[in-house]
Amino acid sequence: MANILENQLVQVLEKQLDEQLDRLDNLDTDDLKAIREQRIKEMKEINQKKQEWLKNGHGTYSELADEKEFFEISKKSPNIVCHFYRDTTERCRIVDMHLKILAGKHIEAKFCKVNAEKSPFLTQRLRIKIIPTIVLIKDSKTKDFVVGFTDLGNCDDFSTDMLEWRIAQSGAIDYKGDLMIPPDMKKKSFINRVHKTIRGGYDSDDSDIDFDD
């Protein structure tokens, strides 16, 4: 029975492949030209987006001067990864190290940091109580918070890949890997614990910040 089903599946896949090859073989000059023009258009749009991101300070990890600047960049960059830090907190320097790397890798998002002690209004508005906290904004809405290192394995030596995976859960950055499996830890117990924390750790209504303020 298993062999019969396997053979049927192979036949279906072969038929689909043959149909796709036939379509490619039957493309005329106009079809190929249209495909090429569409591809060129897509590449131009992507390049234009990249230029706009770089113009708005994407690609680097920078510190914001004050709360006003936070709201200013929120109007220009719909996707933001913002680290709320304190000078006296050692773990904040660990976060800095990883975010500097990720900022250059993911220019589709604005990576920045804010001194929590110098931004009391914003810190209170976002209900930030633990430092470090990373605010993840997607399409100008607060989607998620990375609070401390709980979601990163509860250790200081987590990898940059691990933080990238955790940030990607919010959709604030493009991610090529498997969102279901943390890069640093493959054990089922760890996966369940992390996913439970991500789902239940922050009660977001997607409306904590009014970016028109």
Protein backbone atom coordinates (compact mmCIF):
# COMPACT_ATOMS: atom_id res chain seq x y z
CA MET A 1 0.00 0.00 0.00
CA ALA A 2 2.80 2.39 0.92
CA ASN A 3 4.58 1.71 -2.38
CA ILE A 4 1.39 2.40 -4.35
CA LEU A 5 0.88 5.77 -2.61
CA GLU A 6 4.54 6.64 -3.12
CA ASN A 7 4.32 5.84 -6.83
CA GLN A 8 1.15 7.92 -7.17
CA LEU A 9 2.83 10.88 -5.46
CA VAL A 10 5.85 10.60 -7.73
CA GLN A 11 3.59 10.55 -10.79
CA VAL A 12 1.72 13.66 -9.61
CA LEU A 13 4.99 15.53 -8.97
CA GLU A 14 6.36 14.49 -12.36
CA LYS A 15 3.19 15.67 -14.06
CA GLN A 16 3.37 19.05 -12.31
CA LEU A 17 7.02 19.41 -13.29
CA ASP A 18 6.25 18.52 -16.92
CA GLU A 19 3.47 21.12 -17.02
CA GLN A 20 5.80 23.80 -15.66
CA LEU A 21 8.48 22.90 -18.20
CA ASP A 22 5.92 23.01 -21.00
CA ARG A 23 4.84 26.48 -19.95
CA LEU A 24 8.46 27.65 -19.97
CA ASP A 25 9.07 26.06 -23.37
CA ASN A 26 6.00 27.78 -24.83
CA LEU A 27 6.95 31.25 -23.68
CA ASP A 28 7.37 33.57 -26.62
CA THR A 29 9.57 36.64 -26.89
CA ASP A 30 6.88 38.93 -25.52
CA ASP A 31 6.38 36.68 -22.47
CA LEU A 32 10.09 36.63 -21.72
CA LYS A 33 10.28 40.40 -22.16
CA ALA A 34 7.37 40.89 -19.75
CA ILE A 35 9.02 38.65 -17.14
CA ARG A 36 12.30 40.49 -17.52
CA GLU A 37 10.62 43.91 -17.22
CA GLN A 38 8.71 42.81 -14.12
CA ARG A 39 11.92 41.56 -12.53
CA ILE A 40 13.71 44.82 -13.32
CA LYS A 41 10.82 46.76 -11.81
CA GLU A 42 10.96 44.67 -8.62
CA MET A 43 14.73 45.16 -8.35
CA LYS A 44 14.35 48.93 -8.76
CA GLU A 45 11.67 49.03 -6.06
CA ILE A 46 13.85 47.03 -3.68
CA ASN A 47 16.84 49.29 -4.36
CA GLN A 48 14.68 52.38 -3.82
CA LYS A 49 13.52 50.99 -0.47
CA LYS A 50 17.11 50.31 0.57
CA GLN A 51 18.15 53.84 -0.32
CA GLU A 52 15.27 55.25 1.71
CA TRP A 53 16.17 53.04 4.69
CA LEU A 54 19.80 54.15 4.60
CA LYS A 55 18.70 57.78 4.31
CA ASN A 56 16.71 57.32 7.53
CA GLY A 57 19.70 55.94 9.41
CA HIS A 58 19.09 52.24 8.94
CA GLY A 59 22.10 49.96 8.79
CA THR A 60 23.69 51.39 11.94
CA TYR A 61 22.97 51.09 15.65
CA SER A 62 22.64 54.55 17.15
CA GLU A 63 21.61 56.22 20.39
CA LEU A 64 18.66 58.57 20.33
CA ALA A 65 19.20 61.97 21.92
CA ASP A 66 15.82 62.20 23.59
CA GLU A 67 12.18 61.14 23.54
CA LYS A 68 11.39 63.62 20.79
CA GLU A 69 13.82 61.88 18.45
CA PHE A 70 12.15 58.55 19.20
CA PHE A 71 8.81 59.86 17.94
CA GLU A 72 10.50 61.47 14.94
CA ILE A 73 12.10 58.23 13.76
CA SER A 74 8.81 56.40 14.43
CA LYS A 75 7.24 58.50 11.69
CA LYS A 76 10.01 57.67 9.21
CA SER A 77 10.70 54.01 10.06
CA PRO A 78 7.71 51.69 10.50
CA ASN A 79 9.93 48.86 11.76
CA ILE A 80 12.04 49.65 14.82
CA VAL A 81 14.20 47.66 17.25
CA CYS A 82 14.80 49.92 20.24
CA HIS A 83 16.91 48.97 23.26
CA PHE A 84 16.05 50.69 26.53
CA TYR A 85 19.22 50.63 28.60
CA ARG A 86 20.91 51.96 31.71
CA ASP A 87 24.62 52.76 31.96
CA THR A 88 25.03 50.78 35.18
CA THR A 89 23.50 47.58 33.82
CA GLU A 90 26.16 45.19 32.48
CA ARG A 91 23.69 43.17 30.42
CA CYS A 92 22.91 46.25 28.37
CA ARG A 93 26.43 46.13 26.94
CA ILE A 94 25.82 42.55 25.85
CA VAL A 95 22.68 43.65 24.03
CA ASP A 96 24.61 46.52 22.41
CA MET A 97 27.17 44.09 21.02
CA HIS A 98 24.54 41.93 19.31
CA LEU A 99 22.37 44.78 18.02
CA LYS A 100 25.37 46.45 16.34
CA ILE A 101 25.80 43.28 14.28
CA LEU A 102 22.12 42.88 13.48
CA ALA A 103 21.72 46.54 12.48
CA GLY A 104 24.11 46.03 9.57
CA LYS A 105 22.43 42.79 8.57
CA HIS A 106 18.83 43.99 8.69
CA ILE A 107 18.63 47.42 7.11
CA GLU A 108 14.86 46.96 6.75
CA ALA A 109 14.52 48.01 10.41
CA LYS A 110 15.86 50.93 12.43
CA PHE A 111 18.08 49.75 15.31
CA CYS A 112 18.53 52.23 18.13
CA LYS A 113 18.88 52.65 21.90
CA VAL A 114 17.35 54.95 24.50
CA ASN A 115 18.64 55.76 27.97
CA ALA A 116 15.69 54.79 30.16
CA GLU A 117 16.72 57.10 32.98
CA LYS A 118 16.74 60.11 30.65
CA SER A 119 13.41 59.19 29.03
CA PRO A 120 10.97 58.77 31.96
CA PHE A 121 7.84 59.62 29.96
CA LEU A 122 8.57 57.10 27.22
CA THR A 123 9.70 54.44 29.68
CA GLN A 124 6.48 54.81 31.67
CA ARG A 125 4.34 54.99 28.53
CA LEU A 126 5.73 51.65 27.39
CA ARG A 127 5.46 50.12 30.89
CA ILE A 128 9.16 49.25 30.94
CA LYS A 129 10.19 47.94 34.34
CA ILE A 130 13.12 45.64 33.57
CA ILE A 131 16.42 46.71 32.00
CA PRO A 132 17.47 45.76 29.38
CA THR A 133 14.22 45.75 27.43
CA ILE A 134 14.04 45.74 23.64
CA VAL A 135 10.93 47.30 22.11
CA LEU A 136 9.88 45.72 18.81
CA ILE A 137 7.77 47.87 16.53
CA LYS A 138 6.20 46.53 13.34
CA ASP A 139 4.27 48.77 10.94
CA SER A 140 4.32 51.58 13.53
CA LYS A 141 2.70 49.42 16.22
CA THR A 142 4.35 48.03 19.36
CA LYS A 143 4.21 44.31 18.69
CA ASP A 144 6.46 42.75 21.31
CA PHE A 145 9.03 43.32 24.04
CA VAL A 146 12.18 41.31 24.76
CA VAL A 147 12.38 41.68 28.52
CA GLY A 148 15.74 40.79 30.06
CA PHE A 149 17.28 37.54 28.85
CA THR A 150 14.44 35.15 29.71
CA ASP A 151 13.53 34.49 26.07
CA LEU A 152 17.20 34.09 25.15
CA GLY A 153 17.94 31.06 27.30
CA ASN A 154 18.34 32.88 30.63
CA CYS A 155 22.08 33.19 30.04
CA ASP A 156 24.54 35.94 29.16
CA ASP A 157 26.36 34.03 26.42
CA PHE A 158 23.48 33.66 23.96
CA SER A 159 24.41 34.08 20.31
CA THR A 160 23.55 36.91 17.94
CA ASP A 161 21.52 34.36 15.97
CA MET A 162 19.44 33.72 19.07
CA LEU A 163 18.57 37.40 19.51
CA GLU A 164 17.88 37.70 15.78
CA TRP A 165 15.43 34.77 16.02
CA ARG A 166 13.70 36.32 19.02
CA ILE A 167 13.36 39.73 17.35
CA ALA A 168 11.99 38.06 14.21
CA GLN A 169 9.06 36.69 16.22
CA SER A 170 7.57 40.20 16.07
CA GLY A 171 7.93 40.52 12.29
CA ALA A 172 10.05 43.66 12.69
CA ILE A 173 12.85 42.10 10.62
CA ASP A 174 12.99 39.69 7.69
CA TYR A 175 14.09 36.22 8.80
CA LYS A 176 15.20 33.32 6.63
CA GLY A 177 15.36 30.67 9.35
CA ASP A 178 12.77 28.56 11.18
CA LEU A 179 10.80 30.71 13.62
CA MET A 180 9.71 27.59 15.50
CA ILE A 181 13.20 26.49 16.49
CA PRO A 182 15.58 28.67 18.57
CA PRO A 183 19.09 28.58 17.05
CA ASP A 184 20.89 28.10 20.38
CA MET A 185 18.75 25.39 21.90
CA LYS A 186 16.99 22.51 20.18
CA LYS A 187 15.51 20.75 23.19
CA LYS A 188 11.74 20.50 23.29
CA SER A 189 11.52 21.77 26.88
CA PHE A 190 13.41 24.93 25.94
CA ILE A 191 11.24 25.55 22.89
CA ASN A 192 8.04 25.16 24.91
CA ARG A 193 9.32 27.46 27.65
CA VAL A 194 10.45 30.17 25.26
CA HIS A 195 7.27 30.09 23.17
CA LYS A 196 5.13 30.21 26.30
CA THR A 197 7.07 33.27 27.49
CA ILE A 198 6.73 34.97 24.12
CA ARG A 199 2.99 34.36 23.99
CA GLY A 200 2.23 35.26 27.57
CA GLY A 201 5.00 37.62 28.63
CA TYR A 202 3.50 40.84 27.29
CA ASP A 203 -0.15 41.70 26.92
CA SER A 204 -0.03 43.88 23.83
CA ASP A 205 -3.00 45.71 22.35
CA ASP A 206 -0.89 47.13 19.52
CA SER A 207 -1.72 50.66 20.65
CA ASP A 208 0.68 51.63 23.41
CA ILE A 209 2.24 54.46 21.46
CA ASP A 210 0.49 57.16 19.52
CA PHE A 211 3.12 58.01 16.93
CA ASP A 212 1.35 61.24 16.02
CA ASP A 213 2.11 62.73 19.46
